[in-house]
C-alpha atoms as a PDB file:
ATOM      1  CA  MET A   1     -70.053   1.634  10.614  1.00  0.00           C
ATOM      2  CA  SER A   2     -69.193   0.016  13.884  1.00  0.00           C
ATOM      3  CA  THR A   3     -69.563  -3.729  13.694  1.00  0.00           C
ATOM      4  CA  THR A   4     -66.558  -5.955  13.160  1.00  0.00           C
ATOM      5  CA  ARG A   5     -68.117  -7.334   9.977  1.00  0.00           C
ATOM      6  CA  ASP A   6     -68.750  -3.889   8.498  1.00  0.00           C
ATOM      7  CA  LEU A   7     -65.202  -2.777   9.296  1.00  0.00           C
ATOM      8  CA  ASN A   8     -63.770  -6.005   7.851  1.00  0.00           C
ATOM      9  CA  ASP A   9     -65.726  -5.561   4.624  1.00  0.00           C
ATOM     10  CA  ALA A  10     -64.757  -1.894   4.307  1.00  0.00           C
ATOM     11  CA  PHE A  11     -61.077  -2.656   4.868  1.00  0.00           C
ATOM     12  CA  ARG A  12     -60.979  -5.704   2.576  1.00  0.00           C
ATOM     13  CA  LYS A  13     -62.784  -3.831  -0.212  1.00  0.00           C
ATOM     14  CA  GLY A  14     -60.338  -0.926  -0.008  1.00  0.00           C
ATOM     15  CA  GLU A  15     -62.808   1.600   1.413  1.00  0.00           C
ATOM     16  CA  ARG A  16     -60.988   1.977   4.768  1.00  0.00           C
ATOM     17  CA  LEU A  17     -57.356   1.063   4.072  1.00  0.00           C
ATOM     18  CA  GLU A  18     -56.178   3.312   6.904  1.00  0.00           C
ATOM     19  CA  ILE A  19     -57.407   0.779   9.511  1.00  0.00           C
ATOM     20  CA  GLY A  20     -55.048  -2.035   8.579  1.00  0.00           C
ATOM     21  CA  ARG A  21     -52.322  -3.628   6.532  1.00  0.00           C
ATOM     22  CA  ILE A  22     -52.310  -6.122   3.683  1.00  0.00           C
ATOM     23  CA  VAL A  23     -49.737  -8.908   3.554  1.00  0.00           C
ATOM     24  CA  ILE A  24     -49.104 -11.543   0.910  1.00  0.00           C
ATOM     25  CA  THR A  25     -47.107 -14.682   1.556  1.00  0.00           C
ATOM     26  CA  SER A  26     -44.049 -15.726  -0.408  1.00  0.00           C
ATOM     27  CA  GLY A  27     -46.107 -18.417  -2.174  1.00  0.00           C
ATOM     28  CA  VAL A  28     -48.600 -15.840  -3.433  1.00  0.00           C
ATOM     29  CA  ARG A  29     -45.769 -13.489  -4.400  1.00  0.00           C
ATOM     30  CA  ASP A  30     -44.200 -16.269  -6.486  1.00  0.00           C
ATOM     31  CA  LEU A  31     -47.572 -17.216  -8.019  1.00  0.00           C
ATOM     32  CA  VAL A  32     -48.312 -13.722  -9.317  1.00  0.00           C
ATOM     33  CA  ALA A  33     -44.730 -12.650 -10.105  1.00  0.00           C
ATOM     34  CA  ALA A  34     -45.061 -13.443 -13.813  1.00  0.00           C
ATOM     35  CA  TRP A  35     -47.924 -10.993 -14.336  1.00  0.00           C
ATOM     36  CA  PRO A  36     -47.326  -7.242 -14.280  1.00  0.00           C
ATOM     37  CA  LEU A  37     -50.617  -6.686 -12.451  1.00  0.00           C
ATOM     38  CA  GLY A  38     -50.669 -10.029 -10.669  1.00  0.00           C
ATOM     39  CA  VAL A  39     -50.980  -8.754  -7.099  1.00  0.00           C
ATOM     40  CA  ALA A  40     -53.569  -6.152  -8.077  1.00  0.00           C
ATOM     41  CA  MET A  41     -55.651  -8.732  -9.938  1.00  0.00           C
ATOM     42  CA  LEU A  42     -55.562 -11.140  -7.004  1.00  0.00           C
ATOM     43  CA  TYR A  43     -56.459  -8.379  -4.545  1.00  0.00           C
ATOM     44  CA  ASP A  44     -59.371  -7.459  -6.804  1.00  0.00           C
ATOM     45  CA  ALA A  45     -60.638 -11.051  -6.518  1.00  0.00           C
ATOM     46  CA  VAL A  46     -60.352 -10.858  -2.713  1.00  0.00           C
ATOM     47  CA  LYS A  47     -62.217  -7.525  -2.701  1.00  0.00           C
ATOM     48  CA  LYS A  48     -65.072  -9.038  -4.735  1.00  0.00           C
ATOM     49  CA  PHE A  49     -65.402 -12.165  -2.576  1.00  0.00           C
ATOM     50  CA  ASP A  50     -68.944 -12.498  -1.240  1.00  0.00           C
ATOM     51  CA  ALA A  51     -69.505 -16.234  -0.838  1.00  0.00           C
ATOM     52  CA  PHE A  52     -70.044 -16.074   2.919  1.00  0.00           C
ATOM     53  CA  THR A  53     -72.159 -18.852   4.421  1.00  0.00           C
ATOM     54  CA  LYS A  54     -72.942 -20.167   7.907  1.00  0.00           C
ATOM     55  CA  ASP A  55     -70.333 -22.887   7.266  1.00  0.00           C
ATOM     56  CA  ASN A  56     -67.415 -20.624   6.297  1.00  0.00           C
ATOM     57  CA  ASP A  57     -68.441 -17.569   8.364  1.00  0.00           C
ATOM     58  CA  PRO A  58     -70.102 -18.902  11.546  1.00  0.00           C
ATOM     59  CA  TYR A  59     -69.578 -15.671  13.523  1.00  0.00           C
ATOM     60  CA  ASP A  60     -70.718 -13.387  10.666  1.00  0.00           C
ATOM     61  CA  GLU A  61     -67.478 -11.382  10.764  1.00  0.00           C
ATOM     62  CA  HIS A  62     -66.406 -11.797   7.117  1.00  0.00           C
ATOM     63  CA  ASP A  63     -62.861 -12.496   8.281  1.00  0.00           C
ATOM     64  CA  PHE A  64     -61.930 -15.467   6.066  1.00  0.00           C
ATOM     65  CA  GLY A  65     -62.427 -16.507   2.467  1.00  0.00           C
ATOM     66  CA  SER A  66     -61.316 -19.095  -0.039  1.00  0.00           C
ATOM     67  CA  LEU A  67     -61.182 -18.729  -3.812  1.00  0.00           C
ATOM     68  CA  ASP A  68     -59.545 -20.257  -6.867  1.00  0.00           C
ATOM     69  CA  TYR A  69     -56.989 -18.113  -8.665  1.00  0.00           C
ATOM     70  CA  ALA A  70     -54.549 -19.080 -11.433  1.00  0.00           C
ATOM     71  CA  GLY A  71     -55.154 -22.757 -10.753  1.00  0.00           C
ATOM     72  CA  GLU A  72     -54.441 -22.442  -7.026  1.00  0.00           C
ATOM     73  CA  LYS A  73     -56.651 -22.411  -3.953  1.00  0.00           C
ATOM     74  CA  ILE A  74     -56.172 -19.044  -2.224  1.00  0.00           C
ATOM     75  CA  PHE A  75     -57.127 -18.230   1.358  1.00  0.00           C
ATOM     76  CA  TRP A  76     -57.427 -14.764   2.802  1.00  0.00           C
ATOM     77  CA  LYS A  77     -57.680 -14.124   6.522  1.00  0.00           C
ATOM     78  CA  LEU A  78     -58.237 -11.040   8.663  1.00  0.00           C
ATOM     79  CA  ASP A  79     -56.664 -10.891  12.105  1.00  0.00           C
ATOM     80  CA  TYR A  80     -57.034  -8.183  14.731  1.00  0.00           C
ATOM     81  CA  TYR A  81     -54.039  -6.722  16.537  1.00  0.00           C
ATOM     82  CA  ASP A  82     -53.464  -3.840  18.895  1.00  0.00           C
ATOM     83  CA  GLN A  83     -52.029  -0.622  17.430  1.00  0.00           C
ATOM     84  CA  THR A  84     -48.431  -1.808  17.943  1.00  0.00           C
ATOM     85  CA  LEU A  85     -49.094  -5.184  16.270  1.00  0.00           C
ATOM     86  CA  ALA A  86     -47.649  -6.880  19.358  1.00  0.00           C
ATOM     87  CA  TYR A  87     -50.858  -8.328  20.839  1.00  0.00           C
ATOM     88  CA  GLY A  88     -54.378  -9.196  19.871  1.00  0.00           C
ATOM     89  CA  SER A  89     -56.880  -6.375  19.803  1.00  0.00           C
ATOM     90  CA  PRO A  90     -58.957  -5.887  22.946  1.00  0.00           C
ATOM     91  CA  ASP A  91     -61.942  -4.810  20.784  1.00  0.00           C
ATOM     92  CA  PRO A  92     -61.954  -5.543  17.021  1.00  0.00           C
ATOM     93  CA  ALA A  93     -64.984  -3.277  16.515  1.00  0.00           C
ATOM     94  CA  ASN A  94     -63.017  -0.263  17.783  1.00  0.00           C
ATOM     95  CA  THR A  95     -60.636   1.151  15.152  1.00  0.00           C
ATOM     96  CA  SER A  96     -58.836   3.307  17.705  1.00  0.00           C
ATOM     97  CA  VAL A  97     -57.413   0.188  19.395  1.00  0.00           C
ATOM     98  CA  THR A  98     -57.296  -2.222  16.444  1.00  0.00           C
ATOM     99  CA  THR A  99     -55.106  -2.739  13.400  1.00  0.00           C
ATOM    100  CA  ARG A 100     -56.487  -5.254  10.923  1.00  0.00           C
ATOM    101  CA  VAL A 101     -54.041  -7.453   9.041  1.00  0.00           C
ATOM    102  CA  LEU A 102     -55.315  -9.060   5.851  1.00  0.00           C
ATOM    103  CA  THR A 103     -53.098 -11.984   4.865  1.00  0.00           C
ATOM    104  CA  ILE A 104     -53.487 -13.467   1.372  1.00  0.00           C
ATOM    105  CA  MET A 105     -51.918 -16.918   1.090  1.00  0.00           C
ATOM    106  CA  LEU A 106     -51.885 -20.188  -0.804  1.00  0.00           C
ATOM    107  CA  ALA A 107     -54.111 -22.727   0.931  1.00  0.00           C
ATOM    108  CA  GLN A 108     -51.090 -24.977   1.421  1.00  0.00           C
ATOM    109  CA  GLU A 109     -49.402 -22.187   3.417  1.00  0.00           C
ATOM    110  CA  TYR A 110     -52.199 -22.035   5.997  1.00  0.00           C
END
């Protein structure tokens, strides 16, 4: 597994959690706060996302998705940082120099 897309899929699906971090925005936190398993259920929907097309994934990296959840449009986005999270990664396909950050947000927060 060495391509950016393969690493993105493995991280997003929970198979390689050690290569990144997951962040939810305050809007998502408020949306799911009423449900005991709200965050877990939303993350499960993000993990199952597979509606990638040439229009929404032009570089074939599987780094962005959009889905409907609890009556809201949700976006998720993967960004690539260096190991200190201070700068962009010099090589997103290299896990020794890259930390992935998966942000799950309301579309209106984008």
